[in-house]
Amino acid sequence: ELGIFEMTVKGFREIKNPSSVFLDLGGENLSGSAISAVMEGTRPFLVEIQALVTKTIFGYPQRKTSGFDANRLQVLAAVLAKRTRVNLINQDIILNVVGGLKIDDPALDLAVSGAIISSLLNQIINRRTIILGEVGLSGEIRNVSRLEERLAEAEKLGFNRAIIPPAEIKTKKIKLEKVKNLAELINLIAE
């Protein structure tokens, strides 16, 4: 179980809403940014993924990451290039999980892909949209564990749209956009 505390003049104080540490919901909408949710123990945390996709100046495109598995980034870039015809052959990809977290959760795959696409196309993903899903090697979007809990945390923080795998799930305040593959994600981001 993970606990988040802050140091005050009276000592450590528990942070009741840990997602607020890793998100700046009042921040500016920028391309290359996507928000997702991870599970740490039994608690969902919302995290921001930032991607910078830029033309390479070297012969071989670089893949750099902070807080996300570099091998997984390579796999996602290859799937995007092969299954969607997004040209990443001559593009460097720099990826960051905001707040210094180190994440190993397949539920972030779709958000990472969304941030990469957003940066490449220079299209903004609204900061009140959460993106959840695992990406398979054929570009299909797979369901993730504890999806309802992750969406409940997003709903509690005022999110109004979720891009998720095709799963039987309902929410009260969040509009669900279900995608079966990466091509559908690109269409949602590019509109």
Protein backbone atom coordinates (compact mmCIF):
# COMPACT_ATOMS: atom_id res chain seq x y z
CA GLU A 1 0.00 0.00 0.00
CA LEU A 2 1.29 3.42 -0.90
CA GLY A 3 0.71 6.49 1.28
CA ILE A 4 1.42 10.09 0.29
CA PHE A 5 2.44 12.56 2.98
CA GLU A 6 3.63 16.14 3.09
CA MET A 7 5.98 17.70 5.63
CA THR A 8 4.48 20.58 7.58
CA VAL A 9 5.74 22.57 10.57
CA LYS A 10 3.80 20.15 12.78
CA GLY A 11 5.28 17.04 11.11
CA PHE A 12 3.99 14.68 8.44
CA ARG A 13 0.40 15.10 7.28
CA GLU A 14 -1.43 12.62 5.07
CA ILE A 15 -2.55 13.96 1.71
CA LYS A 16 -6.20 12.98 1.40
CA ASN A 17 -6.28 13.33 -2.40
CA PRO A 18 -2.99 11.89 -3.72
CA SER A 19 -3.96 12.50 -7.36
CA SER A 20 -3.68 16.23 -6.68
CA VAL A 21 0.08 15.78 -6.13
CA PHE A 22 0.61 14.32 -9.59
CA LEU A 23 -1.90 16.44 -11.55
CA ASP A 24 -2.34 20.13 -12.21
CA LEU A 25 -5.98 20.10 -13.27
CA GLY A 26 -6.05 23.86 -13.63
CA GLY A 27 -3.09 23.75 -15.98
CA GLU A 28 -3.08 24.77 -19.59
CA ASN A 29 -4.18 22.32 -22.30
CA LEU A 30 -1.06 21.41 -24.29
CA SER A 31 -0.40 18.90 -27.02
CA GLY A 32 1.53 15.80 -25.99
CA SER A 33 -0.20 15.46 -22.63
CA ALA A 34 -2.60 12.69 -21.55
CA ILE A 35 -4.02 11.72 -18.17
CA SER A 36 -4.48 8.16 -16.97
CA ALA A 37 -4.90 6.24 -13.71
CA VAL A 38 -2.67 3.66 -12.04
CA MET A 39 -3.34 1.38 -9.12
CA GLU A 40 -0.87 1.41 -6.24
CA GLY A 41 -2.05 -1.20 -3.80
CA THR A 42 -5.77 -0.62 -3.48
CA ARG A 43 -5.69 3.09 -4.35
CA PRO A 44 -6.12 4.62 -7.78
CA PHE A 45 -3.89 7.59 -8.63
CA LEU A 46 -4.36 9.84 -11.62
CA VAL A 47 -1.11 10.64 -13.41
CA GLU A 48 -0.14 12.84 -16.31
CA ILE A 49 1.90 11.47 -19.20
CA GLN A 50 3.85 13.95 -21.33
CA ALA A 51 5.33 13.12 -24.71
CA LEU A 52 7.51 15.16 -27.01
CA VAL A 53 7.76 13.88 -30.56
CA THR A 54 10.23 15.74 -32.73
CA LYS A 55 12.17 15.12 -35.92
CA THR A 56 15.42 13.31 -35.19
CA ILE A 57 18.72 14.97 -35.95
CA PHE A 58 20.57 11.66 -35.71
CA GLY A 59 20.41 8.71 -38.09
CA TYR A 60 18.53 6.58 -35.57
CA PRO A 61 15.51 7.95 -33.67
CA GLN A 62 15.90 8.19 -29.91
CA ARG A 63 13.42 6.80 -27.39
CA LYS A 64 13.93 8.37 -23.94
CA THR A 65 11.68 7.93 -20.95
CA SER A 66 11.41 8.99 -17.33
CA GLY A 67 9.11 6.99 -15.07
CA PHE A 68 7.99 4.53 -17.77
CA ASP A 69 9.63 1.35 -19.04
CA ALA A 70 11.88 2.17 -22.03
CA ASN A 71 11.30 -1.25 -23.60
CA ARG A 72 7.55 -0.78 -23.39
CA LEU A 73 7.91 2.61 -25.08
CA GLN A 74 9.82 0.91 -27.93
CA VAL A 75 7.03 -1.65 -28.30
CA LEU A 76 4.27 0.99 -28.32
CA ALA A 77 6.15 3.09 -30.91
CA ALA A 78 6.57 0.00 -33.12
CA VAL A 79 2.87 -0.92 -32.80
CA LEU A 80 1.84 2.66 -33.64
CA ALA A 81 4.10 2.69 -36.71
CA LYS A 82 3.00 -0.73 -37.98
CA ARG A 83 -0.71 -0.81 -37.16
CA THR A 84 -1.72 2.81 -37.81
CA ARG A 85 0.75 3.97 -40.43
CA VAL A 86 1.81 6.82 -38.12
CA ASN A 87 5.30 7.70 -39.30
CA LEU A 88 7.63 7.53 -36.32
CA ILE A 89 10.65 6.26 -38.27
CA ASN A 90 12.39 9.64 -38.23
CA GLN A 91 10.93 10.93 -34.95
CA ASP A 92 12.52 11.08 -31.50
CA ILE A 93 10.12 10.27 -28.66
CA ILE A 94 10.73 11.66 -25.19
CA LEU A 95 8.27 10.51 -22.53
CA ASN A 96 7.77 11.66 -18.94
CA VAL A 97 5.49 10.58 -16.09
CA VAL A 98 4.85 13.84 -14.21
CA GLY A 99 5.61 13.87 -10.49
CA GLY A 100 8.53 11.46 -10.52
CA LEU A 101 6.52 8.25 -10.27
CA LYS A 102 7.93 5.08 -11.78
CA ILE A 103 5.05 3.22 -13.34
CA ASP A 104 4.77 -0.38 -14.50
CA ASP A 105 1.06 -0.67 -15.26
CA PRO A 106 -0.20 -1.81 -18.67
CA ALA A 107 -3.28 0.42 -18.18
CA LEU A 108 -1.06 3.37 -19.19
CA ASP A 109 -0.38 2.02 -22.70
CA LEU A 110 -3.30 3.82 -24.32
CA ALA A 111 -2.49 7.12 -22.58
CA VAL A 112 1.15 6.87 -23.66
CA SER A 113 0.03 6.20 -27.23
CA GLY A 114 -2.41 9.11 -27.00
CA ALA A 115 0.28 11.49 -25.73
CA ILE A 116 2.61 10.43 -28.58
CA ILE A 117 -0.12 10.94 -31.19
CA SER A 118 -1.14 14.25 -29.62
CA SER A 119 2.43 15.56 -29.79
CA LEU A 120 3.05 14.30 -33.32
CA LEU A 121 -0.19 15.79 -34.69
CA ASN A 122 0.01 18.84 -32.39
CA GLN A 123 -3.55 18.12 -31.25
CA ILE A 124 -4.66 18.83 -27.69
CA ILE A 125 -6.36 16.22 -25.51
CA ASN A 126 -8.66 17.98 -23.06
CA ARG A 127 -7.37 17.84 -19.47
CA ARG A 128 -10.76 16.54 -18.27
CA THR A 129 -10.32 13.37 -20.37
CA ILE A 130 -8.86 10.21 -18.87
CA ILE A 131 -7.39 7.50 -21.09
CA LEU A 132 -7.16 3.88 -19.93
CA GLY A 133 -6.30 0.68 -21.77
CA GLU A 134 -3.63 -1.85 -22.60
CA VAL A 135 -2.36 -1.97 -26.19
CA GLY A 136 -1.76 -5.36 -27.80
CA LEU A 137 0.79 -6.08 -30.52
CA SER A 138 -1.85 -6.03 -33.23
CA GLY A 139 -2.97 -2.55 -32.12
CA GLU A 140 -6.08 -3.79 -30.32
CA ILE A 141 -7.12 -2.18 -27.04
CA ARG A 142 -7.46 -4.58 -24.13
CA ASN A 143 -9.37 -4.18 -20.89
CA VAL A 144 -7.53 -3.31 -17.66
CA SER A 145 -8.02 -4.48 -14.11
CA ARG A 146 -10.17 -2.43 -11.74
CA LEU A 147 -11.41 -0.12 -14.47
CA GLU A 148 -14.45 0.93 -12.44
CA GLU A 149 -12.30 2.09 -9.51
CA ARG A 150 -10.03 4.08 -11.80
CA LEU A 151 -13.04 5.76 -13.44
CA ALA A 152 -14.61 6.47 -10.04
CA GLU A 153 -11.44 8.35 -9.00
CA ALA A 154 -11.57 10.37 -12.23
CA GLU A 155 -15.26 11.12 -11.70
CA LYS A 156 -14.51 12.29 -8.15
CA LEU A 157 -11.96 14.76 -9.57
CA GLY A 158 -14.39 16.19 -12.11
CA PHE A 159 -13.39 14.40 -15.31
CA ASN A 160 -16.15 14.34 -17.91
CA ARG A 161 -14.79 12.05 -20.65
CA ALA A 162 -13.00 8.69 -20.69
CA ILE A 163 -11.40 6.86 -23.59
CA ILE A 164 -11.45 3.20 -22.62
CA PRO A 165 -11.48 -0.33 -24.09
CA PRO A 166 -14.81 -1.79 -25.21
CA ALA A 167 -15.99 -3.01 -21.80
CA GLU A 168 -19.40 -3.35 -20.20
CA ILE A 169 -19.21 -0.48 -17.75
CA LYS A 170 -21.36 2.51 -16.85
CA THR A 171 -20.63 5.82 -15.15
CA LYS A 172 -22.88 8.62 -13.97
CA LYS A 173 -20.99 11.74 -15.01
CA ILE A 174 -18.29 10.61 -17.44
CA LYS A 175 -18.97 10.21 -21.14
CA LEU A 176 -17.39 6.92 -22.23
CA GLU A 177 -15.70 6.69 -25.64
CA LYS A 178 -14.85 3.05 -26.30
CA VAL A 179 -12.05 2.29 -28.77
CA LYS A 180 -11.21 -1.13 -30.20
CA ASN A 181 -7.86 -0.21 -31.75
CA LEU A 182 -5.26 2.53 -32.09
CA ALA A 183 -6.74 3.81 -35.36
CA GLU A 184 -9.93 4.72 -33.49
CA LEU A 185 -7.86 6.54 -30.86
CA ILE A 186 -6.17 8.59 -33.58
CA ASN A 187 -9.56 9.53 -35.01
CA LEU A 188 -10.73 10.74 -31.59
CA ILE A 189 -7.60 12.84 -31.06
CA ALA A 190 -7.54 14.26 -34.58
CA GLU A 191 -11.18 15.44 -34.58
